[in-house]
Amino acid sequence: MTAKLGDWLLGRGKITEEQLQRGLQDKAFFGERLGNSLIKLGFIDEDTLGEYLAEIARTRYAPARRLESIPPEVIASVPARLAAKYWIVPIVIEGRRLHLAMRDPKDLIALDEIAFLTGLPIEPYVATEFRLIRAIERYYKISLGMKAIPVTPGPPDPVRSKIAPASQPSQKPSEPEVGLDGLPLNADPQDLDQPFLSPSGGAPPPSLEPGEPLPRSLDAWREADREAPVGGRDPVPARELGPDRQAPRPPTASTRPLAAVAAPPGAPVTVSPMPYQPAATPASRPAPTTLEATSTRLRESDTRDEVFDAVLDFTAAQFRRAALFVVQQERILGWSGRGDGLQPARVRNVIVPLDRPSLFVIFRSGGDYFYGPVPDLPANAKFYLDLGCPPPARVLLMPLVITDKPAVILYADNGTDASGAPDIQQYRRLVKKAALALEILILRNKIMMI
């Protein structure tokens, strides 16, 4: 099991317990990561944090020297918008492989998108936030709006620091003080010090009540969904918003943002890191759009995300649910979704292996599209559990093909409504237009690499 940063540093004698507590207080007050706070306070150096990051990411560490003097043609291989979005910096191209310094080398979506645009296999490295911020601002001339953490030349002697009296000894408050990020200043040091683990710890939990047994089959699941009262249980809320930045549901007494809760007299004023914005009614669909209008959006798209958003907006206006899945080697990865019960953060956690029977294996043998009922297979049951919605009566799957291989799969369904059939020819035209838009993006990027 991966050690937490605080335990890892204590176990190796890198810091003392007192230094850890001071770092935790600084982290909570300024809303930073624990590693950044410890570096700023001079308790550890950058390479010590890098050693820890490399161990938990199970990859190599890119020290400061690897991010110096990067050739312009290497920098040009990754667009500035993606570098800022994913916190990545290309460091070298060797043997037709792109070596990439990343904040999160386990981000499969980022790895897939960069490999897709460059046409090169990716060799990921992990780097500290400070070095990535500095490199992105230096090479791409853009600001991430983040405060750079000063990097100290090296850690002080933990024993000497423990013996030396502090000029202003910290007093432990009788009641926990709350920092600017809403966390108590004396919170557990294990909070938020594993940067590569999703808050949901992998795939989100199924949308089942506690103690509720799993459905015996997909048909039983559909029947239970029909018998559920109108406005039944809400889907499990995503604990982290995906790239779509979908607005959260209206807050309840238990989910209201911290900034909306009145603080007792004399307590520090807390600031919510993400102000609440009212969400649209879940049942409402996007305004209908024409294929011609979508074609214009595709033609003007500058990134893969804009291409995918145009496809999803068109499909979600005609179906109850719509989603996109990226084909990566022997598995399908969720990208995003729209509609009843679909949440982008949950969709991004969906992984479907292609080595077993499922909805998606038809495309391994060159299938053109699929429209029909969901086969009662274990992989399909798990797929809908991970999505957090019951299986529909019928589903449409349409591949987006690039260089004669399916690169993306469009998913759409109308829930339990099996009446009416989609215009297959219209969706064939849609995915062909999207494929052309993606190919144009690839060619644009290759021009910069020549």
Protein backbone atom coordinates (compact mmCIF):
# COMPACT_ATOMS: atom_id res chain seq x y z
CA MET A 1 0.00 0.00 0.00
CA THR A 2 1.33 3.45 -0.93
CA ALA A 3 2.54 5.49 2.04
CA LYS A 4 1.17 8.97 2.67
CA LEU A 5 3.65 11.81 2.20
CA GLY A 6 3.80 12.63 5.90
CA ASP A 7 4.37 9.00 6.92
CA TRP A 8 6.89 8.55 4.10
CA LEU A 9 8.96 11.53 5.23
CA LEU A 10 8.77 10.60 8.92
CA GLY A 11 9.72 6.99 8.22
CA ARG A 12 12.88 8.07 6.39
CA GLY A 13 13.88 10.67 8.94
CA LYS A 14 13.43 13.52 6.48
CA ILE A 15 11.36 15.64 8.88
CA THR A 16 10.26 15.64 12.50
CA GLU A 17 6.71 15.40 13.82
CA GLU A 18 6.81 19.09 14.77
CA GLN A 19 7.86 20.05 11.24
CA LEU A 20 5.07 17.94 9.80
CA GLN A 21 2.49 19.72 11.96
CA ARG A 22 3.83 23.13 10.92
CA GLY A 23 3.71 22.08 7.28
CA LEU A 24 0.13 20.91 7.74
CA GLN A 25 -0.90 24.23 9.24
CA ASP A 26 0.70 26.13 6.36
CA LYS A 27 -0.98 23.83 3.83
CA ALA A 28 -4.42 24.29 5.37
CA PHE A 29 -4.08 28.06 5.70
CA PHE A 30 -2.82 28.75 2.18
CA GLY A 31 -4.67 25.92 0.42
CA GLU A 32 -1.48 24.32 -0.92
CA ARG A 33 -0.27 20.75 -1.16
CA LEU A 34 1.65 19.47 1.83
CA GLY A 35 4.81 18.95 -0.22
CA ASN A 36 4.80 22.56 -1.41
CA SER A 37 4.33 23.82 2.13
CA LEU A 38 7.22 21.73 3.46
CA ILE A 39 9.50 23.02 0.68
CA LYS A 40 8.48 26.62 1.33
CA LEU A 41 9.23 26.23 5.03
CA GLY A 42 12.65 24.75 4.21
CA PHE A 43 11.97 21.36 5.81
CA ILE A 44 12.60 19.33 2.62
CA ASP A 45 14.10 20.07 -0.78
CA GLU A 46 12.56 19.64 -4.21
CA ASP A 47 14.37 16.41 -5.02
CA THR A 48 13.08 14.78 -1.83
CA LEU A 49 9.52 15.51 -2.91
CA GLY A 50 10.38 14.27 -6.39
CA GLU A 51 11.69 11.00 -4.95
CA TYR A 52 8.36 10.48 -3.18
CA LEU A 53 6.29 11.39 -6.25
CA ALA A 54 8.28 8.98 -8.42
CA GLU A 55 7.78 6.16 -5.91
CA ILE A 56 4.00 6.48 -5.67
CA ALA A 57 3.61 7.08 -9.42
CA ARG A 58 5.94 4.17 -10.21
CA THR A 59 7.70 6.21 -12.86
CA ARG A 60 10.85 8.28 -13.25
CA TYR A 61 11.38 11.72 -11.75
CA ALA A 62 12.26 14.70 -13.96
CA PRO A 63 14.60 16.94 -11.93
CA ALA A 64 15.12 20.62 -12.65
CA ARG A 65 17.97 20.02 -15.12
CA ARG A 66 15.66 17.96 -17.39
CA LEU A 67 13.39 20.99 -17.79
CA GLU A 68 16.20 23.36 -18.82
CA SER A 69 17.20 24.14 -22.43
CA ILE A 70 14.39 22.20 -24.10
CA PRO A 71 14.60 22.57 -27.92
CA PRO A 72 11.82 24.68 -29.52
CA GLU A 73 10.76 21.83 -31.83
CA VAL A 74 10.15 19.61 -28.79
CA ILE A 75 8.07 22.31 -27.08
CA ALA A 76 6.08 22.74 -30.30
CA SER A 77 5.05 19.08 -30.21
CA VAL A 78 2.53 19.82 -27.43
CA PRO A 79 0.12 22.76 -27.88
CA ALA A 80 0.21 25.44 -25.20
CA ARG A 81 -3.46 24.89 -24.34
CA LEU A 82 -2.88 21.22 -23.52
CA ALA A 83 0.30 21.99 -21.59
CA ALA A 84 -1.64 24.37 -19.35
CA LYS A 85 -4.69 22.09 -19.11
CA TYR A 86 -2.82 18.96 -18.01
CA TRP A 87 0.30 20.57 -16.47
CA ILE A 88 2.72 18.84 -18.83
CA VAL A 89 5.99 19.80 -20.53
CA PRO A 90 7.67 17.78 -23.32
CA ILE A 91 11.36 17.37 -22.50
CA VAL A 92 12.84 15.33 -25.37
CA ILE A 93 11.95 13.17 -28.38
CA GLU A 94 14.15 10.06 -28.53
CA GLY A 95 13.67 7.02 -30.72
CA ARG A 96 10.24 8.20 -31.89
CA ARG A 97 9.10 8.43 -28.25
CA LEU A 98 7.99 11.65 -26.59
CA HIS A 99 9.33 12.04 -23.04
CA LEU A 100 6.80 14.06 -21.06
CA ALA A 101 7.12 15.69 -17.62
CA MET A 102 3.74 15.63 -15.88
CA ARG A 103 2.10 16.50 -12.60
CA ASP A 104 0.04 13.30 -12.82
CA PRO A 105 1.67 10.60 -14.97
CA LYS A 106 -1.33 8.32 -14.29
CA ASP A 107 -3.75 10.61 -16.14
CA LEU A 108 -4.79 8.24 -18.93
CA ILE A 109 -6.90 10.86 -20.68
CA ALA A 110 -3.95 13.27 -20.90
CA LEU A 111 -1.59 10.53 -22.10
CA ASP A 112 -4.09 9.40 -24.72
CA GLU A 113 -4.75 12.91 -26.03
CA ILE A 114 -1.06 13.81 -26.38
CA ALA A 115 -0.27 10.47 -28.04
CA PHE A 116 -3.25 10.97 -30.34
CA LEU A 117 -2.19 14.46 -31.47
CA THR A 118 1.55 13.78 -31.79
CA GLY A 119 1.35 10.25 -33.16
CA LEU A 120 4.17 9.30 -30.78
CA PRO A 121 4.26 6.84 -27.87
CA ILE A 122 4.56 8.67 -24.54
CA GLU A 123 7.24 8.10 -21.90
CA PRO A 124 5.84 9.79 -18.76
CA TYR A 125 7.90 11.37 -15.99
CA VAL A 126 6.73 13.04 -12.81
CA ALA A 127 7.84 16.57 -11.93
CA THR A 128 7.11 18.94 -9.07
CA GLU A 129 4.43 21.58 -9.49
CA PHE A 130 6.97 24.37 -9.03
CA ARG A 131 9.12 23.20 -11.95
CA LEU A 132 6.13 22.63 -14.20
CA ILE A 133 4.72 26.09 -13.49
CA ARG A 134 8.08 27.69 -14.20
CA ALA A 135 8.61 25.66 -17.40
CA ILE A 136 5.11 26.29 -18.79
CA GLU A 137 5.41 30.02 -18.16
CA ARG A 138 8.91 30.10 -19.66
CA TYR A 139 8.39 28.05 -22.82
CA TYR A 140 4.75 28.76 -23.61
CA LYS A 141 4.64 32.38 -22.38
CA ILE A 142 1.41 31.78 -20.48
CA SER A 143 0.56 32.11 -16.82
CA LEU A 144 -1.21 29.41 -14.85
CA GLY A 145 -2.29 31.93 -12.23
CA MET A 146 -0.50 29.92 -9.54
CA LYS A 147 1.88 31.21 -6.90
CA ALA A 148 5.33 29.73 -7.39
CA ILE A 149 6.80 28.06 -4.32
CA PRO A 150 10.42 29.11 -3.68
CA VAL A 151 12.72 26.10 -3.86
CA THR A 152 15.29 25.88 -1.09
CA PRO A 153 18.83 24.59 -1.73
CA GLY A 154 18.35 21.72 0.66
CA PRO A 155 16.63 20.54 3.82
CA PRO A 156 17.91 21.63 7.21
CA ASP A 157 19.05 19.13 9.80
CA PRO A 158 15.81 17.81 11.37
CA VAL A 159 17.49 17.36 14.74
CA ARG A 160 18.93 20.86 14.74
CA SER A 161 15.60 22.32 13.70
CA LYS A 162 13.90 20.44 16.50
CA ILE A 163 16.34 21.72 19.13
CA ALA A 164 16.47 25.33 17.93
CA PRO A 165 13.79 27.40 19.68
CA ALA A 166 11.26 28.97 17.34
CA SER A 167 11.06 32.75 17.40
CA GLN A 168 7.28 32.52 17.65
CA PRO A 169 6.25 29.18 19.13
CA SER A 170 2.87 28.06 17.89
CA GLN A 171 0.15 27.62 20.48
CA LYS A 172 -2.29 24.77 19.94
CA PRO A 173 -5.76 26.34 19.90
CA SER A 174 -8.40 25.10 22.26
CA GLU A 175 -10.78 24.72 19.34
CA PRO A 176 -9.70 23.90 15.77
CA GLU A 177 -9.12 27.01 13.69
CA VAL A 178 -10.30 26.91 10.11
CA GLY A 179 -7.98 27.92 7.28
CA LEU A 180 -8.82 29.69 4.04
CA ASP A 181 -9.52 26.36 2.35
CA GLY A 182 -12.13 25.38 4.93
CA LEU A 183 -9.98 22.69 6.61
CA PRO A 184 -9.02 22.75 10.31
CA LEU A 185 -5.45 23.91 10.84
CA ASN A 186 -4.78 20.80 12.94
CA ALA A 187 -6.29 18.40 10.40
CA ASP A 188 -4.88 14.93 9.92
CA PRO A 189 -1.63 15.07 7.91
CA GLN A 190 -2.89 12.25 5.69
CA ASP A 191 -5.41 14.60 4.07
CA LEU A 192 -4.69 15.55 0.46
CA ASP A 193 -1.07 14.41 0.33
CA GLN A 194 -1.47 11.73 -2.36
CA PRO A 195 -1.61 13.71 -5.59
CA PHE A 196 -2.24 10.83 -8.00
CA LEU A 197 -5.23 9.16 -6.35
CA SER A 198 -8.71 10.16 -7.43
CA PRO A 199 -10.91 11.25 -4.51
CA SER A 200 -13.23 8.45 -5.43
CA GLY A 201 -10.42 5.92 -5.31
CA GLY A 202 -10.94 4.56 -8.81
CA ALA A 203 -14.32 3.79 -10.28
CA PRO A 204 -17.18 5.53 -8.50
CA PRO A 205 -19.44 3.44 -6.30
CA PRO A 206 -22.57 1.94 -7.84
CA SER A 207 -25.77 3.89 -7.43
CA LEU A 208 -27.28 1.42 -4.97
CA GLU A 209 -28.66 2.03 -1.52
CA PRO A 210 -26.66 0.57 1.41
CA GLY A 211 -27.48 -3.10 1.80
CA GLU A 212 -29.38 -3.24 -1.49
CA PRO A 213 -28.56 -6.51 -3.33
CA LEU A 214 -27.15 -6.46 -6.85
CA PRO A 215 -29.72 -7.11 -9.59
CA ARG A 216 -29.88 -10.71 -10.76
CA SER A 217 -29.84 -9.67 -14.43
CA LEU A 218 -30.12 -6.62 -16.67
CA ASP A 219 -33.83 -7.31 -17.16
CA ALA A 220 -34.37 -7.30 -13.38
CA TRP A 221 -32.51 -4.01 -13.19
CA ARG A 222 -34.69 -2.45 -15.89
CA GLU A 223 -37.85 -3.66 -14.12
CA ALA A 224 -36.70 -2.19 -10.82
CA ASP A 225 -36.03 1.12 -12.54
CA ARG A 226 -39.57 1.18 -14.01
CA GLU A 227 -41.10 0.52 -10.58
CA ALA A 228 -39.06 3.23 -8.86
CA PRO A 229 -41.15 6.28 -7.80
CA VAL A 230 -40.87 9.45 -9.86
CA GLY A 231 -37.99 11.56 -8.59
CA GLY A 232 -36.39 8.54 -6.93
CA ARG A 233 -32.93 8.42 -5.53
CA ASP A 234 -30.41 10.78 -7.04
CA PRO A 235 -27.31 9.42 -8.74
CA VAL A 236 -24.24 9.22 -6.59
CA PRO A 237 -22.67 12.70 -6.74
CA ALA A 238 -19.25 12.92 -8.30
CA ARG A 239 -16.65 13.96 -5.77
CA GLU A 240 -14.50 15.71 -8.35
CA LEU A 241 -15.63 17.63 -11.41
CA GLY A 242 -14.25 16.52 -14.74
CA PRO A 243 -13.03 18.70 -17.63
CA ASP A 244 -16.56 19.74 -18.52
CA ARG A 245 -16.78 21.65 -15.22
CA GLN A 246 -20.46 20.73 -15.03
CA ALA A 247 -22.26 22.86 -12.48
CA PRO A 248 -23.16 21.04 -9.24
CA ARG A 249 -26.68 20.26 -8.14
CA PRO A 250 -28.45 22.85 -5.98
CA PRO A 251 -27.06 22.52 -2.45
CA THR A 252 -28.96 20.88 0.34
CA ALA A 253 -28.38 21.31 4.04
CA SER A 254 -25.59 18.74 3.85
CA THR A 255 -24.03 19.85 0.54
CA ARG A 256 -24.24 23.64 0.78
CA PRO A 257 -20.85 25.26 0.06
CA LEU A 258 -18.82 26.16 3.12
CA ALA A 259 -18.85 29.85 2.25
CA ALA A 260 -22.64 29.92 2.63
CA VAL A 261 -22.53 28.73 6.25
CA ALA A 262 -22.46 31.54 8.76
CA ALA A 263 -19.34 31.46 10.92
CA PRO A 264 -19.60 31.99 14.69
CA PRO A 265 -18.55 35.41 16.01
CA GLY A 266 -14.80 35.77 16.16
CA ALA A 267 -14.09 32.84 13.87
CA PRO A 268 -11.98 33.38 10.74
CA VAL A 269 -13.94 34.02 7.58
CA THR A 270 -13.68 31.10 5.18
CA VAL A 271 -13.61 31.39 1.41
CA SER A 272 -15.13 28.72 -0.81
CA PRO A 273 -12.58 27.69 -3.45
CA MET A 274 -15.32 27.17 -6.08
CA PRO A 275 -18.36 29.46 -5.79
CA TYR A 276 -21.69 27.76 -6.19
CA GLN A 277 -23.49 28.16 -9.50
CA PRO A 278 -27.07 26.96 -9.95
CA ALA A 279 -27.37 23.90 -12.14
CA ALA A 280 -29.81 23.43 -14.94
CA THR A 281 -32.76 21.14 -14.44
CA PRO A 282 -31.44 17.57 -14.86
CA ALA A 283 -34.39 16.50 -16.98
CA SER A 284 -33.94 19.32 -19.52
CA ARG A 285 -32.14 18.50 -22.76
CA PRO A 286 -29.90 20.87 -24.72
CA ALA A 287 -31.64 22.99 -27.32
CA PRO A 288 -31.93 21.09 -30.61
CA THR A 289 -29.17 21.90 -33.09
CA THR A 290 -28.77 21.09 -36.75
CA LEU A 291 -26.06 19.01 -38.35
CA GLU A 292 -25.02 22.08 -40.35
CA ALA A 293 -24.50 24.13 -37.17
CA THR A 294 -22.53 21.27 -35.64
CA SER A 295 -20.42 21.09 -38.80
CA THR A 296 -19.51 24.75 -38.33
CA ARG A 297 -18.44 24.06 -34.75
CA LEU A 298 -16.33 21.13 -35.88
CA ARG A 299 -14.66 23.21 -38.58
CA GLU A 300 -13.77 25.93 -36.05
CA SER A 301 -12.56 23.55 -33.32
CA ASP A 302 -9.00 24.07 -32.08
CA THR A 303 -8.80 21.13 -29.64
CA ARG A 304 -10.05 17.59 -29.32
CA ASP A 305 -12.28 18.67 -26.44
CA GLU A 306 -14.09 21.15 -28.68
CA VAL A 307 -14.67 18.44 -31.28
CA PHE A 308 -16.05 16.07 -28.65
CA ASP A 309 -18.26 18.78 -27.12
CA ALA A 310 -19.84 19.50 -30.50
CA VAL A 311 -20.63 15.80 -31.03
CA LEU A 312 -22.06 15.41 -27.53
CA ASP A 313 -24.21 18.54 -27.76
CA PHE A 314 -25.77 17.36 -31.02
CA THR A 315 -26.43 13.84 -29.70
CA ALA A 316 -27.68 14.87 -26.25
CA ALA A 317 -30.35 17.05 -27.87
CA GLN A 318 -31.90 13.94 -29.46
CA PHE A 319 -31.24 11.27 -26.83
CA ARG A 320 -31.83 11.00 -23.12
CA ARG A 321 -28.15 10.15 -22.53
CA ALA A 322 -25.02 10.59 -24.64
CA ALA A 323 -21.36 9.80 -23.93
CA LEU A 324 -18.01 9.40 -25.67
CA PHE A 325 -15.46 6.66 -25.06
CA VAL A 326 -11.85 6.69 -26.25
CA VAL A 327 -10.37 3.47 -27.64
CA GLN A 328 -6.93 2.83 -26.15
CA GLN A 329 -5.16 -0.42 -27.03
CA GLU A 330 -7.15 -3.23 -25.37
CA ARG A 331 -9.65 -1.13 -23.44
CA ILE A 332 -12.27 1.60 -23.69
CA LEU A 333 -11.87 4.74 -21.54
CA GLY A 334 -14.74 7.08 -20.68
CA TRP A 335 -14.24 10.70 -21.74
CA SER A 336 -17.46 12.53 -20.82
CA GLY A 337 -21.24 12.26 -20.91
CA ARG A 338 -24.46 14.26 -20.85
CA GLY A 339 -28.02 13.54 -19.81
CA ASP A 340 -30.07 11.87 -17.08
CA GLY A 341 -27.89 10.27 -14.43
CA LEU A 342 -24.62 10.76 -16.31
CA GLN A 343 -21.91 12.77 -14.58
CA PRO A 344 -18.62 13.61 -16.31
CA ALA A 345 -16.51 12.54 -13.32
CA ARG A 346 -18.15 9.11 -13.26
CA VAL A 347 -17.85 8.63 -17.01
CA ARG A 348 -14.13 9.45 -16.86
CA ASN A 349 -13.63 6.59 -14.41
CA VAL A 350 -15.27 3.96 -16.64
CA ILE A 351 -12.87 1.39 -18.14
CA VAL A 352 -14.13 -1.49 -20.30
CA PRO A 353 -11.62 -4.22 -21.26
CA LEU A 354 -11.86 -5.45 -24.84
CA ASP A 355 -10.69 -8.98 -24.03
CA ARG A 356 -14.16 -10.15 -22.93
CA PRO A 357 -17.69 -10.02 -24.41
CA SER A 358 -19.37 -6.63 -24.01
CA LEU A 359 -21.21 -3.95 -25.96
CA PHE A 360 -17.97 -2.70 -27.48
CA VAL A 361 -16.28 -5.87 -28.79
CA ILE A 362 -18.25 -5.64 -32.05
CA PHE A 363 -15.88 -2.91 -33.19
CA ARG A 364 -12.81 -5.13 -32.84
CA SER A 365 -14.07 -7.12 -35.82
CA GLY A 366 -14.79 -4.05 -37.94
CA GLY A 367 -18.43 -3.48 -36.96
CA ASP A 368 -19.99 -0.39 -38.55
CA TYR A 369 -22.44 0.47 -35.74
CA PHE A 370 -24.72 -1.15 -33.18
CA TYR A 371 -28.34 -0.36 -32.36
CA GLY A 372 -30.40 -2.72 -30.25
CA PRO A 373 -31.00 -4.11 -26.74
CA VAL A 374 -28.14 -4.51 -24.28
CA PRO A 375 -26.96 -8.15 -24.09
CA ASP A 376 -27.19 -9.64 -20.59
CA LEU A 377 -23.44 -10.03 -19.99
CA PRO A 378 -21.38 -9.51 -16.82
CA ALA A 379 -19.21 -6.87 -18.49
CA ASN A 380 -22.32 -4.90 -19.51
CA ALA A 381 -23.77 -5.09 -16.00
CA LYS A 382 -20.53 -3.69 -14.57
CA PHE A 383 -20.46 -1.02 -17.27
CA TYR A 384 -23.83 0.37 -16.19
CA LEU A 385 -22.96 0.05 -12.51
CA ASP A 386 -19.90 2.21 -13.15
CA LEU A 387 -21.97 4.70 -15.15
CA GLY A 388 -24.46 4.93 -12.29
CA CYS A 389 -27.59 4.36 -14.39
CA PRO A 390 -29.72 1.31 -15.27
CA PRO A 391 -29.34 -0.34 -18.68
CA PRO A 392 -31.65 1.13 -21.34
CA ALA A 393 -34.09 -0.66 -23.62
CA ARG A 394 -31.91 0.07 -26.65
CA VAL A 395 -28.51 1.64 -27.20
CA LEU A 396 -26.78 3.25 -30.17
CA LEU A 397 -23.01 2.83 -30.61
CA MET A 398 -21.25 4.56 -33.49
CA PRO A 399 -17.45 4.44 -34.00
CA LEU A 400 -15.41 7.44 -35.04
CA VAL A 401 -12.78 5.93 -37.36
CA ILE A 402 -9.31 7.37 -38.01
CA THR A 403 -6.77 5.57 -40.23
CA ASP A 404 -9.18 2.63 -40.58
CA LYS A 405 -9.35 2.05 -36.82
CA PRO A 406 -12.04 3.07 -34.30
CA ALA A 407 -10.55 5.88 -32.20
CA VAL A 408 -13.68 7.06 -30.36
CA ILE A 409 -17.10 5.47 -29.78
CA LEU A 410 -20.28 7.54 -29.53
CA TYR A 411 -22.85 6.13 -27.07
CA ALA A 412 -26.51 7.19 -26.88
CA ASP A 413 -29.74 5.83 -25.36
CA ASN A 414 -33.28 6.88 -24.48
CA GLY A 415 -33.63 5.00 -21.21
CA THR A 416 -36.61 2.66 -21.08
CA ASP A 417 -38.21 4.26 -24.16
CA ALA A 418 -37.80 1.83 -27.07
CA SER A 419 -40.11 3.66 -29.49
CA GLY A 420 -38.62 5.17 -32.59
CA ALA A 421 -35.27 4.50 -34.23
CA PRO A 422 -32.44 6.99 -34.71
CA ASP A 423 -31.38 8.30 -38.10
CA ILE A 424 -28.35 6.06 -38.61
CA GLN A 425 -27.22 7.87 -41.76
CA GLN A 426 -27.28 11.19 -39.93
CA TYR A 427 -25.02 9.86 -37.19
CA ARG A 428 -22.70 8.27 -39.73
CA ARG A 429 -22.28 11.72 -41.26
CA LEU A 430 -21.73 13.21 -37.79
CA VAL A 431 -18.90 10.88 -36.82
CA LYS A 432 -17.26 11.22 -40.25
CA LYS A 433 -17.27 14.99 -39.87
CA ALA A 434 -15.81 14.66 -36.37
CA ALA A 435 -13.12 12.30 -37.64
CA LEU A 436 -12.12 14.84 -40.30
CA ALA A 437 -11.95 17.58 -37.66
CA LEU A 438 -9.63 15.44 -35.54
CA GLU A 439 -7.44 14.59 -38.52
CA ILE A 440 -7.11 18.31 -39.27
CA LEU A 441 -5.97 18.91 -35.69
CA ILE A 442 -3.37 16.16 -36.05
CA LEU A 443 -2.06 17.65 -39.30
CA ARG A 444 -1.88 21.12 -37.76
CA ASN A 445 0.19 19.75 -34.92
CA LYS A 446 2.50 17.87 -37.28
CA ILE A 447 3.17 21.10 -39.20
CA MET A 448 4.56 22.58 -35.97
CA MET A 449 6.81 19.56 -35.47
CA ILE A 450 8.52 19.71 -38.89
